[in-house]
Amino acid sequence: MRLAINPAACDGLGMCAHQAPDVIQLDPWGYPLVSGDELEGPEADQASRAIRACPRNALFVAK
């Protein structure tokens, strides 16, 4: 699984980083940054929680 962000949909609320602290970092304005690396195990679980928690549906699984 690879986590990706639709920057046009994101409002920079930062809820995703609270759900996936090992996967998502926030820039100085509160917008998420992801590496795009393949995620497995606990990191994939965190990413899934972050996707579900995003109020703007800005996070998704990239292929």
N, C-alpha and C. Protein backbone atom coordinates (compact mmCIF):
# COMPACT_ATOMS: atom_id res chain seq x y z
N MET A 1 0.85 -1.18 0.00
CA MET A 1 0.00 0.00 0.00
C MET A 1 0.89 1.23 0.00
N ARG A 2 0.52 2.20 -0.80
CA ARG A 2 1.19 3.51 -0.82
C ARG A 2 0.15 4.58 -0.51
N LEU A 3 0.48 5.44 0.41
CA LEU A 3 -0.42 6.52 0.78
C LEU A 3 -0.14 7.73 -0.09
N ALA A 4 -1.21 8.36 -0.57
CA ALA A 4 -1.07 9.56 -1.40
C ALA A 4 -2.08 10.60 -0.93
N ILE A 5 -1.83 11.85 -1.33
CA ILE A 5 -2.67 12.98 -0.91
C ILE A 5 -3.13 13.75 -2.14
N ASN A 6 -4.39 14.13 -2.13
CA ASN A 6 -4.91 15.06 -3.13
C ASN A 6 -4.77 16.45 -2.51
N PRO A 7 -3.74 17.21 -2.89
CA PRO A 7 -3.51 18.50 -2.25
C PRO A 7 -4.64 19.51 -2.46
N ALA A 8 -5.38 19.37 -3.55
CA ALA A 8 -6.48 20.30 -3.80
C ALA A 8 -7.63 20.08 -2.83
N ALA A 9 -7.78 18.86 -2.32
CA ALA A 9 -8.87 18.55 -1.41
C ALA A 9 -8.50 18.80 0.05
N CYS A 10 -7.21 18.81 0.36
CA CYS A 10 -6.75 18.92 1.74
C CYS A 10 -6.90 20.34 2.28
N ASP A 11 -7.42 20.44 3.51
CA ASP A 11 -7.55 21.74 4.18
C ASP A 11 -6.47 21.95 5.24
N GLY A 12 -5.57 20.99 5.40
CA GLY A 12 -4.49 21.14 6.36
C GLY A 12 -4.93 21.10 7.81
N LEU A 13 -5.94 20.28 8.11
CA LEU A 13 -6.43 20.19 9.48
C LEU A 13 -5.51 19.36 10.37
N GLY A 14 -4.74 18.45 9.79
CA GLY A 14 -3.76 17.67 10.54
C GLY A 14 -4.28 16.44 11.25
N MET A 15 -5.55 16.10 11.08
CA MET A 15 -6.11 14.92 11.74
C MET A 15 -5.39 13.65 11.31
N CYS A 16 -4.95 13.61 10.08
CA CYS A 16 -4.28 12.43 9.54
C CYS A 16 -2.98 12.15 10.28
N ALA A 17 -2.24 13.18 10.62
CA ALA A 17 -0.96 13.00 11.31
C ALA A 17 -1.15 12.45 12.71
N HIS A 18 -2.28 12.72 13.33
CA HIS A 18 -2.56 12.17 14.65
C HIS A 18 -2.88 10.68 14.55
N GLN A 19 -3.47 10.27 13.45
CA GLN A 19 -3.80 8.86 13.24
C GLN A 19 -2.61 8.05 12.73
N ALA A 20 -1.68 8.70 12.06
CA ALA A 20 -0.55 8.00 11.45
C ALA A 20 0.77 8.75 11.70
N PRO A 21 1.18 8.86 12.96
CA PRO A 21 2.38 9.64 13.26
C PRO A 21 3.67 9.07 12.67
N ASP A 22 3.71 7.77 12.39
CA ASP A 22 4.91 7.17 11.81
C ASP A 22 4.95 7.29 10.29
N VAL A 23 3.85 7.74 9.70
CA VAL A 23 3.72 7.77 8.24
C VAL A 23 3.59 9.19 7.70
N ILE A 24 2.90 10.05 8.44
CA ILE A 24 2.58 11.40 7.96
C ILE A 24 3.24 12.45 8.84
N GLN A 25 3.94 13.34 8.21
CA GLN A 25 4.51 14.51 8.88
C GLN A 25 3.72 15.73 8.41
N LEU A 26 3.73 16.79 9.19
CA LEU A 26 3.04 18.01 8.79
C LEU A 26 4.06 19.09 8.44
N ASP A 27 3.75 19.85 7.39
CA ASP A 27 4.63 20.96 7.04
C ASP A 27 4.32 22.12 8.00
N PRO A 28 5.04 23.23 7.91
CA PRO A 28 4.82 24.34 8.85
C PRO A 28 3.40 24.91 8.85
N TRP A 29 2.64 24.68 7.80
CA TRP A 29 1.27 25.21 7.70
C TRP A 29 0.22 24.17 8.05
N GLY A 30 0.65 22.97 8.46
CA GLY A 30 -0.28 21.92 8.88
C GLY A 30 -0.71 20.97 7.78
N TYR A 31 -0.11 21.08 6.61
CA TYR A 31 -0.46 20.18 5.51
C TYR A 31 0.39 18.92 5.58
N PRO A 32 -0.19 17.77 5.26
CA PRO A 32 0.52 16.50 5.39
C PRO A 32 1.57 16.29 4.31
N LEU A 33 2.63 15.60 4.72
CA LEU A 33 3.70 15.18 3.82
C LEU A 33 3.84 13.67 3.97
N VAL A 34 3.86 12.96 2.86
CA VAL A 34 4.07 11.51 2.88
C VAL A 34 5.21 11.16 1.94
N SER A 35 5.88 10.07 2.24
CA SER A 35 7.05 9.69 1.44
C SER A 35 6.67 9.00 0.13
N GLY A 36 5.52 8.33 0.09
CA GLY A 36 5.14 7.58 -1.10
C GLY A 36 5.74 6.19 -1.12
N ASP A 37 6.45 5.83 -0.04
CA ASP A 37 7.04 4.50 0.05
C ASP A 37 5.96 3.45 0.29
N GLU A 38 6.28 2.22 -0.04
CA GLU A 38 5.39 1.09 0.22
C GLU A 38 5.26 0.91 1.74
N LEU A 39 4.02 0.79 2.22
CA LEU A 39 3.76 0.64 3.65
C LEU A 39 3.27 -0.77 3.94
N GLU A 40 3.75 -1.32 5.04
CA GLU A 40 3.34 -2.66 5.47
C GLU A 40 3.14 -2.67 6.97
N GLY A 41 2.43 -3.66 7.46
CA GLY A 41 2.27 -3.87 8.90
C GLY A 41 1.65 -2.69 9.62
N PRO A 42 2.26 -2.28 10.74
CA PRO A 42 1.69 -1.20 11.55
C PRO A 42 1.57 0.12 10.80
N GLU A 43 2.52 0.40 9.90
CA GLU A 43 2.44 1.65 9.13
C GLU A 43 1.23 1.63 8.19
N ALA A 44 0.95 0.49 7.58
CA ALA A 44 -0.23 0.37 6.72
C ALA A 44 -1.51 0.53 7.53
N ASP A 45 -1.52 -0.01 8.75
CA ASP A 45 -2.69 0.16 9.62
C ASP A 45 -2.90 1.62 9.97
N GLN A 46 -1.81 2.32 10.29
CA GLN A 46 -1.91 3.76 10.59
C GLN A 46 -2.43 4.52 9.38
N ALA A 47 -1.92 4.20 8.20
CA ALA A 47 -2.36 4.89 6.98
C ALA A 47 -3.85 4.66 6.74
N SER A 48 -4.33 3.46 6.98
CA SER A 48 -5.75 3.16 6.80
C SER A 48 -6.60 3.98 7.76
N ARG A 49 -6.15 4.11 9.00
CA ARG A 49 -6.88 4.94 9.97
C ARG A 49 -6.89 6.40 9.53
N ALA A 50 -5.77 6.88 9.01
CA ALA A 50 -5.70 8.27 8.55
C ALA A 50 -6.65 8.51 7.38
N ILE A 51 -6.72 7.57 6.46
CA ILE A 51 -7.65 7.71 5.32
C ILE A 51 -9.07 7.82 5.82
N ARG A 52 -9.45 6.97 6.76
CA ARG A 52 -10.82 7.00 7.29
C ARG A 52 -11.10 8.28 8.09
N ALA A 53 -10.07 8.84 8.74
CA ALA A 53 -10.26 10.02 9.59
C ALA A 53 -10.29 11.33 8.82
N CYS A 54 -9.84 11.35 7.59
CA CYS A 54 -9.75 12.60 6.84
C CYS A 54 -11.14 13.14 6.51
N PRO A 55 -11.48 14.32 7.03
CA PRO A 55 -12.81 14.88 6.78
C PRO A 55 -13.02 15.35 5.34
N ARG A 56 -11.95 15.57 4.61
CA ARG A 56 -12.04 16.05 3.22
C ARG A 56 -11.80 14.93 2.20
N ASN A 57 -11.57 13.70 2.68
CA ASN A 57 -11.27 12.57 1.80
C ASN A 57 -10.10 12.88 0.87
N ALA A 58 -9.08 13.51 1.42
CA ALA A 58 -7.92 13.91 0.63
C ALA A 58 -6.85 12.84 0.57
N LEU A 59 -6.93 11.83 1.41
CA LEU A 59 -5.96 10.73 1.44
C LEU A 59 -6.52 9.54 0.69
N PHE A 60 -5.64 8.83 0.00
CA PHE A 60 -6.08 7.63 -0.71
C PHE A 60 -4.90 6.69 -0.91
N VAL A 61 -5.23 5.46 -1.30
CA VAL A 61 -4.22 4.45 -1.59
C VAL A 61 -3.82 4.60 -3.06
N ALA A 62 -2.54 4.82 -3.29
CA ALA A 62 -2.03 4.93 -4.67
C ALA A 62 -1.57 3.56 -5.14
N LYS A 63 -1.72 3.34 -6.43
CA LYS A 63 -1.29 2.05 -7.00
C LYS A 63 0.07 2.17 -7.61
